[in-house]
Amino acid sequence: MATASNVTAGKPKIGGAIYVAPAGTALPNDATTALAEAYVSLGYVSEDGVTNSNSPSSDNIKAWGGDIVMNLMTEKADNFTFTLIEALNVDVLKFVYGDSNVTGTLANGITVKANSSIPSSKVIVIDMIMTDGALKRVVMPSAYISEVGDIVYKDDEAVGYETTVLCPPDAQGNTHYEYIKRT
């Protein structure tokens, strides 16, 4: 039976929705427990929200004559894409450029070094509020940036870092976890 109360939308949790912590930080295992102190907020995300691309790719195996006789999964990448719009937030800059490539504070001056060093993997948590106050938490145990889109500087648009992260499987073979609880 269809239930309208199960239809939902995802809004960011007040005070921030995307948090990062160093690889190896204890993972939350529910939708409501407070995050450990190691997690830092990446602030506002653009109105486009978060997109999860989690679809397998496959190839058809054809027999002589053209009949499809088998379908093989060739990959199943789990990517999340979001645009961070707090371009003056040191934690955002460290996430995008790598911890060792960003120094200083906004008050004293920030230095960002753009180079080909690879930022380390991070634990990423996304907290959302669903319809009727249900909480949803997405936990990525070991995500790393696979792509950063063009950074546009315009007078009628917020500077943002369109970021795609790839989630490789953890020791249990899971790329991310989702926890949902109606409060």
N, C-alpha and C. Protein backbone atom coordinates (compact mmCIF):
# COMPACT_ATOMS: atom_id res chain seq x y z
N MET A 1 0.85 -1.17 0.00
CA MET A 1 0.00 0.00 0.00
C MET A 1 0.89 1.24 0.00
N ALA A 2 0.54 2.21 -0.80
CA ALA A 2 1.29 3.46 -0.87
C ALA A 2 1.02 4.30 0.38
N THR A 3 2.08 4.94 0.88
CA THR A 3 1.96 5.77 2.07
C THR A 3 2.62 7.12 1.79
N ALA A 4 1.82 8.17 1.71
CA ALA A 4 2.33 9.50 1.39
C ALA A 4 3.35 10.00 2.41
N SER A 5 3.26 9.56 3.66
CA SER A 5 4.21 10.03 4.68
C SER A 5 5.62 9.48 4.46
N ASN A 6 5.77 8.52 3.56
CA ASN A 6 7.10 8.01 3.23
C ASN A 6 7.77 8.76 2.10
N VAL A 7 7.05 9.71 1.49
CA VAL A 7 7.63 10.56 0.45
C VAL A 7 8.36 11.70 1.16
N THR A 8 9.58 12.00 0.74
CA THR A 8 10.37 12.96 1.50
C THR A 8 11.28 13.79 0.61
N ALA A 9 11.80 14.83 1.17
CA ALA A 9 12.83 15.66 0.55
C ALA A 9 13.97 15.77 1.56
N GLY A 10 15.16 16.08 1.09
CA GLY A 10 16.31 16.20 1.98
C GLY A 10 16.76 17.64 2.10
N LYS A 11 16.72 18.16 3.31
CA LYS A 11 17.21 19.52 3.57
C LYS A 11 18.44 19.42 4.45
N PRO A 12 19.32 20.41 4.38
CA PRO A 12 20.51 20.35 5.23
C PRO A 12 20.16 20.52 6.69
N LYS A 13 20.90 19.87 7.52
CA LYS A 13 20.74 20.04 8.95
C LYS A 13 21.17 21.46 9.31
N ILE A 14 20.47 22.11 10.19
CA ILE A 14 20.79 23.49 10.59
C ILE A 14 22.17 23.50 11.23
N GLY A 15 22.98 24.46 10.82
CA GLY A 15 24.33 24.59 11.38
C GLY A 15 25.37 23.87 10.56
N GLY A 16 24.98 23.29 9.44
CA GLY A 16 25.92 22.60 8.57
C GLY A 16 25.44 21.20 8.27
N ALA A 17 25.77 20.73 7.09
CA ALA A 17 25.30 19.42 6.68
C ALA A 17 26.43 18.49 6.29
N ILE A 18 27.57 19.02 5.88
CA ILE A 18 28.68 18.18 5.45
C ILE A 18 29.84 18.38 6.42
N TYR A 19 30.33 17.26 6.95
CA TYR A 19 31.42 17.28 7.92
C TYR A 19 32.53 16.37 7.43
N VAL A 20 33.77 16.74 7.73
CA VAL A 20 34.91 15.89 7.38
C VAL A 20 35.78 15.68 8.61
N ALA A 21 36.46 14.54 8.59
CA ALA A 21 37.40 14.21 9.66
C ALA A 21 38.53 13.41 9.03
N PRO A 22 39.67 13.36 9.70
CA PRO A 22 40.79 12.57 9.16
C PRO A 22 40.41 11.11 9.01
N ALA A 23 41.02 10.45 8.04
CA ALA A 23 40.81 9.02 7.85
C ALA A 23 41.11 8.30 9.16
N GLY A 24 40.29 7.31 9.48
CA GLY A 24 40.49 6.55 10.70
C GLY A 24 39.70 7.07 11.89
N THR A 25 39.08 8.24 11.76
CA THR A 25 38.25 8.78 12.84
C THR A 25 37.06 7.84 13.05
N ALA A 26 36.65 7.69 14.29
CA ALA A 26 35.51 6.81 14.61
C ALA A 26 34.29 7.22 13.80
N LEU A 27 33.64 6.22 13.21
CA LEU A 27 32.47 6.47 12.39
C LEU A 27 31.20 6.47 13.23
N PRO A 28 30.29 7.40 12.96
CA PRO A 28 28.99 7.29 13.62
C PRO A 28 28.24 6.10 13.03
N ASN A 29 27.39 5.46 13.83
CA ASN A 29 26.65 4.31 13.33
C ASN A 29 25.14 4.44 13.53
N ASP A 30 24.69 5.70 13.55
CA ASP A 30 23.26 5.98 13.58
C ASP A 30 23.03 7.40 13.08
N ALA A 31 21.78 7.81 13.04
CA ALA A 31 21.43 9.13 12.48
C ALA A 31 21.44 10.25 13.51
N THR A 32 21.58 9.92 14.80
CA THR A 32 21.35 10.95 15.80
C THR A 32 22.51 11.24 16.75
N THR A 33 23.44 10.33 16.90
CA THR A 33 24.55 10.54 17.85
C THR A 33 25.40 11.72 17.42
N ALA A 34 25.78 12.55 18.37
CA ALA A 34 26.63 13.71 18.07
C ALA A 34 27.96 13.23 17.49
N LEU A 35 28.47 13.98 16.52
CA LEU A 35 29.74 13.63 15.90
C LEU A 35 30.90 13.94 16.84
N ALA A 36 31.97 13.17 16.73
CA ALA A 36 33.17 13.39 17.53
C ALA A 36 33.76 14.76 17.20
N GLU A 37 34.57 15.26 18.10
CA GLU A 37 35.15 16.59 17.96
C GLU A 37 36.04 16.73 16.72
N ALA A 38 36.56 15.63 16.20
CA ALA A 38 37.44 15.66 15.03
C ALA A 38 36.73 16.11 13.76
N TYR A 39 35.40 16.01 13.74
CA TYR A 39 34.64 16.40 12.55
C TYR A 39 34.49 17.92 12.48
N VAL A 40 34.79 18.48 11.31
CA VAL A 40 34.61 19.92 11.10
C VAL A 40 33.58 20.14 10.00
N SER A 41 32.81 21.19 10.15
CA SER A 41 31.76 21.53 9.19
C SER A 41 32.36 22.24 7.99
N LEU A 42 31.86 21.90 6.80
CA LEU A 42 32.28 22.59 5.58
C LEU A 42 31.30 23.70 5.21
N GLY A 43 30.40 24.04 6.10
CA GLY A 43 29.53 25.20 5.92
C GLY A 43 28.48 25.03 4.85
N TYR A 44 28.10 26.16 4.26
CA TYR A 44 27.02 26.16 3.29
C TYR A 44 27.39 25.41 2.01
N VAL A 45 26.37 24.72 1.48
CA VAL A 45 26.45 24.04 0.19
C VAL A 45 25.48 24.78 -0.73
N SER A 46 25.78 24.84 -2.02
CA SER A 46 24.91 25.55 -2.95
C SER A 46 23.50 24.96 -2.95
N GLU A 47 22.57 25.70 -3.54
CA GLU A 47 21.18 25.28 -3.58
C GLU A 47 20.97 23.99 -4.35
N ASP A 48 21.96 23.53 -5.10
CA ASP A 48 21.85 22.27 -5.84
C ASP A 48 21.92 21.06 -4.91
N GLY A 49 22.32 21.27 -3.65
CA GLY A 49 22.36 20.19 -2.68
C GLY A 49 23.46 19.19 -2.97
N VAL A 50 23.18 17.93 -2.69
CA VAL A 50 24.15 16.85 -2.84
C VAL A 50 23.57 15.83 -3.81
N THR A 51 24.39 15.37 -4.74
CA THR A 51 23.98 14.34 -5.69
C THR A 51 24.83 13.10 -5.48
N ASN A 52 24.18 11.96 -5.35
CA ASN A 52 24.88 10.68 -5.22
C ASN A 52 24.71 9.89 -6.51
N SER A 53 25.81 9.64 -7.20
CA SER A 53 25.80 8.77 -8.39
C SER A 53 26.32 7.42 -7.94
N ASN A 54 25.44 6.44 -7.93
CA ASN A 54 25.78 5.14 -7.36
C ASN A 54 25.21 4.03 -8.24
N SER A 55 25.45 4.15 -9.54
CA SER A 55 24.88 3.20 -10.49
C SER A 55 25.98 2.35 -11.12
N PRO A 56 25.71 1.07 -11.28
CA PRO A 56 26.71 0.21 -11.91
C PRO A 56 26.77 0.44 -13.41
N SER A 57 27.93 0.14 -13.97
CA SER A 57 28.09 0.09 -15.43
C SER A 57 28.25 -1.38 -15.79
N SER A 58 27.74 -1.74 -16.96
CA SER A 58 27.84 -3.14 -17.34
C SER A 58 28.05 -3.26 -18.84
N ASP A 59 28.50 -4.44 -19.25
CA ASP A 59 28.68 -4.77 -20.66
C ASP A 59 27.85 -6.00 -20.97
N ASN A 60 27.22 -5.98 -22.13
CA ASN A 60 26.48 -7.14 -22.60
C ASN A 60 27.43 -8.08 -23.33
N ILE A 61 27.28 -9.35 -23.08
CA ILE A 61 28.02 -10.38 -23.80
C ILE A 61 27.06 -10.95 -24.83
N LYS A 62 27.46 -10.90 -26.10
CA LYS A 62 26.59 -11.34 -27.18
C LYS A 62 27.10 -12.65 -27.78
N ALA A 63 26.17 -13.49 -28.14
CA ALA A 63 26.49 -14.71 -28.87
C ALA A 63 26.52 -14.41 -30.36
N TRP A 64 27.09 -15.31 -31.08
CA TRP A 64 27.08 -15.21 -32.53
C TRP A 64 25.64 -15.09 -33.00
N GLY A 65 25.35 -14.11 -33.75
CA GLY A 65 23.98 -13.86 -34.19
C GLY A 65 23.36 -12.67 -33.47
N GLY A 66 24.00 -12.19 -32.40
CA GLY A 66 23.55 -10.97 -31.76
C GLY A 66 22.73 -11.12 -30.49
N ASP A 67 22.36 -12.35 -30.11
CA ASP A 67 21.60 -12.51 -28.87
C ASP A 67 22.45 -12.11 -27.67
N ILE A 68 21.85 -11.37 -26.74
CA ILE A 68 22.54 -11.05 -25.49
C ILE A 68 22.37 -12.25 -24.57
N VAL A 69 23.50 -12.84 -24.16
CA VAL A 69 23.45 -14.06 -23.36
C VAL A 69 23.93 -13.85 -21.93
N MET A 70 24.53 -12.71 -21.66
CA MET A 70 25.02 -12.44 -20.31
C MET A 70 25.24 -10.94 -20.17
N ASN A 71 25.14 -10.47 -18.95
CA ASN A 71 25.44 -9.07 -18.65
C ASN A 71 26.41 -9.06 -17.48
N LEU A 72 27.56 -8.41 -17.66
CA LEU A 72 28.59 -8.36 -16.63
C LEU A 72 28.75 -6.94 -16.10
N MET A 73 28.71 -6.79 -14.78
CA MET A 73 28.97 -5.49 -14.18
C MET A 73 30.47 -5.22 -14.30
N THR A 74 30.80 -4.06 -14.88
CA THR A 74 32.21 -3.71 -15.08
C THR A 74 32.73 -2.77 -14.02
N GLU A 75 31.84 -2.00 -13.39
CA GLU A 75 32.24 -1.12 -12.30
C GLU A 75 30.99 -0.63 -11.57
N LYS A 76 31.20 -0.18 -10.35
CA LYS A 76 30.12 0.42 -9.58
C LYS A 76 30.72 1.52 -8.72
N ALA A 77 30.99 2.64 -9.36
CA ALA A 77 31.55 3.79 -8.65
C ALA A 77 30.46 4.43 -7.79
N ASP A 78 30.84 4.86 -6.60
CA ASP A 78 29.94 5.56 -5.69
C ASP A 78 30.50 6.96 -5.49
N ASN A 79 29.89 7.95 -6.15
CA ASN A 79 30.35 9.33 -6.12
C ASN A 79 29.30 10.24 -5.48
N PHE A 80 29.77 11.24 -4.76
CA PHE A 80 28.91 12.31 -4.25
C PHE A 80 29.44 13.62 -4.80
N THR A 81 28.54 14.48 -5.28
CA THR A 81 28.93 15.78 -5.81
C THR A 81 28.16 16.86 -5.08
N PHE A 82 28.87 17.92 -4.69
CA PHE A 82 28.27 19.07 -4.01
C PHE A 82 29.16 20.28 -4.26
N THR A 83 28.59 21.47 -4.13
CA THR A 83 29.36 22.69 -4.31
C THR A 83 29.44 23.43 -2.98
N LEU A 84 30.66 23.53 -2.48
CA LEU A 84 30.92 24.25 -1.22
C LEU A 84 31.03 25.73 -1.54
N ILE A 85 30.23 26.56 -0.87
CA ILE A 85 30.20 27.99 -1.22
C ILE A 85 30.79 28.90 -0.15
N GLU A 86 31.38 28.33 0.89
CA GLU A 86 32.07 29.17 1.88
C GLU A 86 33.55 29.26 1.47
N ALA A 87 33.81 30.06 0.45
CA ALA A 87 35.14 30.16 -0.14
C ALA A 87 36.16 30.83 0.79
N LEU A 88 35.70 31.43 1.87
CA LEU A 88 36.61 32.05 2.84
C LEU A 88 36.79 31.18 4.09
N ASN A 89 36.26 29.99 4.08
CA ASN A 89 36.34 29.06 5.20
C ASN A 89 37.62 28.23 5.05
N VAL A 90 38.53 28.34 6.00
CA VAL A 90 39.82 27.64 5.94
C VAL A 90 39.61 26.12 5.85
N ASP A 91 38.61 25.59 6.55
CA ASP A 91 38.37 24.15 6.50
C ASP A 91 37.93 23.70 5.11
N VAL A 92 37.16 24.53 4.40
CA VAL A 92 36.77 24.23 3.02
C VAL A 92 38.02 24.23 2.14
N LEU A 93 38.86 25.24 2.29
CA LEU A 93 40.07 25.32 1.47
C LEU A 93 41.00 24.14 1.73
N LYS A 94 41.13 23.73 2.99
CA LYS A 94 41.96 22.56 3.31
C LYS A 94 41.38 21.29 2.70
N PHE A 95 40.07 21.17 2.71
CA PHE A 95 39.43 20.00 2.11
C PHE A 95 39.71 19.95 0.61
N VAL A 96 39.58 21.09 -0.06
CA VAL A 96 39.73 21.14 -1.52
C VAL A 96 41.19 21.03 -1.94
N TYR A 97 42.08 21.75 -1.27
CA TYR A 97 43.48 21.82 -1.71
C TYR A 97 44.43 20.91 -0.93
N GLY A 98 43.98 20.36 0.18
CA GLY A 98 44.82 19.52 1.02
C GLY A 98 45.26 20.29 2.26
N ASP A 99 45.26 19.60 3.39
CA ASP A 99 45.59 20.24 4.67
C ASP A 99 46.93 20.96 4.64
N SER A 100 47.93 20.35 4.05
CA SER A 100 49.28 20.94 4.07
C SER A 100 49.44 22.09 3.08
N ASN A 101 48.45 22.31 2.23
CA ASN A 101 48.55 23.38 1.23
C ASN A 101 47.82 24.66 1.62
N VAL A 102 47.26 24.70 2.82
CA VAL A 102 46.53 25.89 3.27
C VAL A 102 47.03 26.24 4.67
N THR A 103 47.47 27.47 4.82
CA THR A 103 47.93 27.94 6.12
C THR A 103 47.32 29.30 6.44
N GLY A 104 47.29 29.61 7.73
CA GLY A 104 46.85 30.93 8.18
C GLY A 104 45.39 30.97 8.55
N THR A 105 44.96 32.18 8.82
CA THR A 105 43.57 32.45 9.17
C THR A 105 43.11 33.63 8.33
N LEU A 106 41.81 33.82 8.26
CA LEU A 106 41.27 34.94 7.49
C LEU A 106 41.73 36.26 8.09
N ALA A 107 41.80 36.33 9.42
CA ALA A 107 42.22 37.57 10.09
C ALA A 107 43.68 37.91 9.83
N ASN A 108 44.54 36.90 9.78
CA ASN A 108 45.98 37.13 9.60
C ASN A 108 46.45 36.91 8.17
N GLY A 109 45.61 36.35 7.34
CA GLY A 109 45.96 36.06 5.96
C GLY A 109 46.05 34.56 5.72
N ILE A 110 45.44 34.13 4.66
CA ILE A 110 45.45 32.72 4.27
C ILE A 110 46.33 32.56 3.05
N THR A 111 47.14 31.52 3.05
CA THR A 111 47.93 31.16 1.87
C THR A 111 47.46 29.80 1.39
N VAL A 112 47.14 29.73 0.10
CA VAL A 112 46.73 28.48 -0.53
C VAL A 112 47.74 28.15 -1.61
N LYS A 113 48.26 26.93 -1.56
CA LYS A 113 49.18 26.46 -2.59
C LYS A 113 48.42 25.45 -3.46
N ALA A 114 48.25 25.80 -4.73
CA ALA A 114 47.61 24.89 -5.68
C ALA A 114 48.71 24.09 -6.37
N ASN A 115 48.66 22.77 -6.25
CA ASN A 115 49.69 21.94 -6.84
C ASN A 115 49.10 20.56 -7.14
N SER A 116 49.96 19.65 -7.54
CA SER A 116 49.47 18.32 -7.93
C SER A 116 49.52 17.30 -6.80
N SER A 117 49.77 17.75 -5.57
CA SER A 117 49.74 16.79 -4.46
C SER A 117 48.31 16.29 -4.27
N ILE A 118 48.21 15.06 -3.87
CA ILE A 118 46.90 14.42 -3.75
C ILE A 118 46.41 14.56 -2.32
N PRO A 119 45.24 15.22 -2.11
CA PRO A 119 44.70 15.31 -0.75
C PRO A 119 44.41 13.91 -0.21
N SER A 120 44.62 13.75 1.08
CA SER A 120 44.40 12.45 1.71
C SER A 120 42.91 12.13 1.78
N SER A 121 42.61 10.84 1.94
CA SER A 121 41.21 10.45 2.08
C SER A 121 40.69 10.96 3.42
N LYS A 122 39.39 11.13 3.48
CA LYS A 122 38.71 11.67 4.66
C LYS A 122 37.48 10.84 4.96
N VAL A 123 37.04 10.91 6.20
CA VAL A 123 35.71 10.44 6.55
C VAL A 123 34.78 11.62 6.28
N ILE A 124 33.69 11.38 5.57
CA ILE A 124 32.73 12.44 5.28
C ILE A 124 31.36 12.00 5.80
N VAL A 125 30.69 12.93 6.46
CA VAL A 125 29.35 12.70 6.98
C VAL A 125 28.44 13.80 6.44
N ILE A 126 27.28 13.39 5.93
CA ILE A 126 26.27 14.36 5.48
C ILE A 126 25.03 14.14 6.33
N ASP A 127 24.60 15.20 7.03
CA ASP A 127 23.40 15.15 7.86
C ASP A 127 22.27 15.90 7.18
N MET A 128 21.10 15.27 7.14
CA MET A 128 19.93 15.87 6.50
C MET A 128 18.72 15.74 7.41
N ILE A 129 17.78 16.65 7.18
CA ILE A 129 16.48 16.57 7.83
C ILE A 129 15.47 16.28 6.74
N MET A 130 14.78 15.17 6.90
CA MET A 130 13.80 14.75 5.92
C MET A 130 12.42 15.26 6.35
N THR A 131 11.41 14.96 5.57
CA THR A 131 10.05 15.38 5.87
C THR A 131 9.62 14.84 7.25
N ASP A 132 8.83 15.62 7.95
CA ASP A 132 8.31 15.27 9.28
C ASP A 132 9.41 15.06 10.32
N GLY A 133 10.58 15.69 10.10
CA GLY A 133 11.64 15.66 11.11
C GLY A 133 12.48 14.40 11.14
N ALA A 134 12.30 13.49 10.21
CA ALA A 134 13.17 12.31 10.17
C ALA A 134 14.59 12.77 9.86
N LEU A 135 15.56 12.15 10.51
CA LEU A 135 16.96 12.49 10.28
C LEU A 135 17.60 11.43 9.42
N LYS A 136 18.43 11.87 8.49
CA LYS A 136 19.19 10.95 7.65
C LYS A 136 20.66 11.34 7.72
N ARG A 137 21.50 10.34 7.89
CA ARG A 137 22.94 10.56 7.94
C ARG A 137 23.60 9.62 6.94
N VAL A 138 24.42 10.19 6.06
CA VAL A 138 25.21 9.41 5.12
C VAL A 138 26.65 9.45 5.62
N VAL A 139 27.26 8.28 5.76
CA VAL A 139 28.63 8.18 6.27
C VAL A 139 29.50 7.53 5.20
N MET A 140 30.53 8.25 4.79
CA MET A 140 31.51 7.74 3.83
C MET A 140 32.80 7.46 4.60
N PRO A 141 33.15 6.19 4.81
CA PRO A 141 34.30 5.86 5.66
C PRO A 141 35.65 6.29 5.12
N SER A 142 35.78 6.37 3.80
CA SER A 142 37.09 6.69 3.23
C SER A 142 36.90 7.31 1.86
N ALA A 143 36.54 8.58 1.83
CA ALA A 143 36.27 9.27 0.58
C ALA A 143 37.45 10.17 0.22
N TYR A 144 37.63 10.35 -1.08
CA TYR A 144 38.66 11.29 -1.51
C TYR A 144 38.16 12.06 -2.73
N ILE A 145 38.69 13.25 -2.90
CA ILE A 145 38.28 14.11 -4.01
C ILE A 145 38.77 13.51 -5.31
N SER A 146 37.84 13.29 -6.23
CA SER A 146 38.20 12.79 -7.55
C SER A 146 38.13 13.88 -8.61
N GLU A 147 37.42 14.98 -8.30
CA GLU A 147 37.29 16.06 -9.27
C GLU A 147 36.85 17.35 -8.57
N VAL A 148 37.40 18.46 -9.04
CA VAL A 148 36.95 19.79 -8.62
C VAL A 148 36.60 20.54 -9.90
N GLY A 149 35.38 21.06 -9.97
CA GLY A 149 34.94 21.78 -11.16
C GLY A 149 35.60 23.14 -11.28
N ASP A 150 35.25 23.83 -12.34
CA ASP A 150 35.78 25.18 -12.56
C ASP A 150 35.37 26.09 -11.41
N ILE A 151 36.29 26.93 -10.99
CA ILE A 151 36.02 27.92 -9.95
C ILE A 151 35.78 29.24 -10.66
N VAL A 152 34.57 29.76 -10.50
CA VAL A 152 34.15 30.95 -11.23
C VAL A 152 34.10 32.14 -10.28
N TYR A 153 34.70 33.25 -10.71
CA TYR A 153 34.68 34.49 -9.94
C TYR A 153 33.86 35.50 -10.74
N LYS A 154 32.61 35.75 -10.28
CA LYS A 154 31.71 36.69 -10.93
C LYS A 154 31.05 37.55 -9.87
N ASP A 155 30.65 38.76 -10.26
CA ASP A 155 30.05 39.66 -9.27
C ASP A 155 28.61 39.32 -8.93
N ASP A 156 27.98 38.41 -9.67
CA ASP A 156 26.59 38.06 -9.37
C ASP A 156 26.43 36.58 -9.00
N GLU A 157 27.51 35.96 -8.52
CA GLU A 157 27.49 34.53 -8.21
C GLU A 157 28.47 34.25 -7.07
N ALA A 158 28.07 33.36 -6.18
CA ALA A 158 28.97 32.98 -5.09
C ALA A 158 30.12 32.14 -5.64
N VAL A 159 31.32 32.39 -5.12
CA VAL A 159 32.46 31.55 -5.47
C VAL A 159 32.22 30.19 -4.82
N GLY A 160 32.39 29.14 -5.59
CA GLY A 160 32.14 27.82 -5.05
C GLY A 160 33.11 26.79 -5.58
N TYR A 161 33.22 25.71 -4.84
CA TYR A 161 34.07 24.59 -5.22
C TYR A 161 33.17 23.38 -5.47
N GLU A 162 32.85 23.15 -6.77
CA GLU A 162 32.06 21.97 -7.11
C GLU A 162 32.98 20.76 -6.95
N THR A 163 32.67 19.93 -6.00
CA THR A 163 33.55 18.86 -5.58
C THR A 163 32.87 17.51 -5.77
N THR A 164 33.58 16.59 -6.39
CA THR A 164 33.11 15.21 -6.49
C THR A 164 34.04 14.35 -5.68
N VAL A 165 33.47 13.55 -4.80
CA VAL A 165 34.28 12.61 -4.01
C VAL A 165 33.91 11.19 -4.42
N LEU A 166 34.91 10.34 -4.44
CA LEU A 166 34.74 8.93 -4.74
C LEU A 166 34.86 8.16 -3.45
N CYS A 167 33.98 7.19 -3.26
CA CYS A 167 33.96 6.38 -2.04
C CYS A 167 34.37 4.95 -2.37
N PRO A 168 35.62 4.60 -2.15
CA PRO A 168 36.01 3.20 -2.36
C PRO A 168 35.44 2.32 -1.24
N PRO A 169 35.38 1.01 -1.46
CA PRO A 169 34.84 0.13 -0.43
C PRO A 169 35.72 0.07 0.81
N ASP A 170 35.07 -0.07 1.98
CA ASP A 170 35.81 -0.24 3.23
C ASP A 170 36.13 -1.73 3.41
N ALA A 171 36.63 -2.11 4.57
CA ALA A 171 37.02 -3.50 4.83
C ALA A 171 35.83 -4.46 4.72
N GLN A 172 34.60 -3.95 4.87
CA GLN A 172 33.42 -4.80 4.76
C GLN A 172 32.84 -4.78 3.33
N GLY A 173 33.48 -4.03 2.43
CA GLY A 173 33.02 -3.96 1.05
C GLY A 173 31.96 -2.91 0.80
N ASN A 174 31.70 -2.02 1.79
CA ASN A 174 30.67 -0.99 1.65
C ASN A 174 31.30 0.35 1.31
N THR A 175 30.70 1.06 0.36
CA THR A 175 31.23 2.36 -0.04
C THR A 175 30.68 3.50 0.81
N HIS A 176 29.46 3.38 1.26
CA HIS A 176 28.92 4.34 2.23
C HIS A 176 27.78 3.67 3.00
N TYR A 177 27.41 4.33 4.09
CA TYR A 177 26.31 3.84 4.95
C TYR A 177 25.27 4.94 5.05
N GLU A 178 24.02 4.54 5.17
CA GLU A 178 22.92 5.49 5.38
C GLU A 178 22.14 5.08 6.61
N TYR A 179 21.88 6.06 7.47
CA TYR A 179 21.10 5.83 8.69
C TYR A 179 19.94 6.80 8.69
N ILE A 180 18.75 6.32 8.98
CA ILE A 180 17.54 7.14 8.98
C ILE A 180 16.76 6.86 10.25
N LYS A 181 16.28 7.93 10.88
CA LYS A 181 15.46 7.75 12.10
C LYS A 181 14.45 8.88 12.18
N ARG A 182 13.21 8.52 12.37
CA ARG A 182 12.16 9.53 12.58
C ARG A 182 12.22 9.92 14.05
N THR A 183 12.28 11.21 14.31
CA THR A 183 12.39 11.68 15.70
C THR A 183 11.02 11.98 16.28
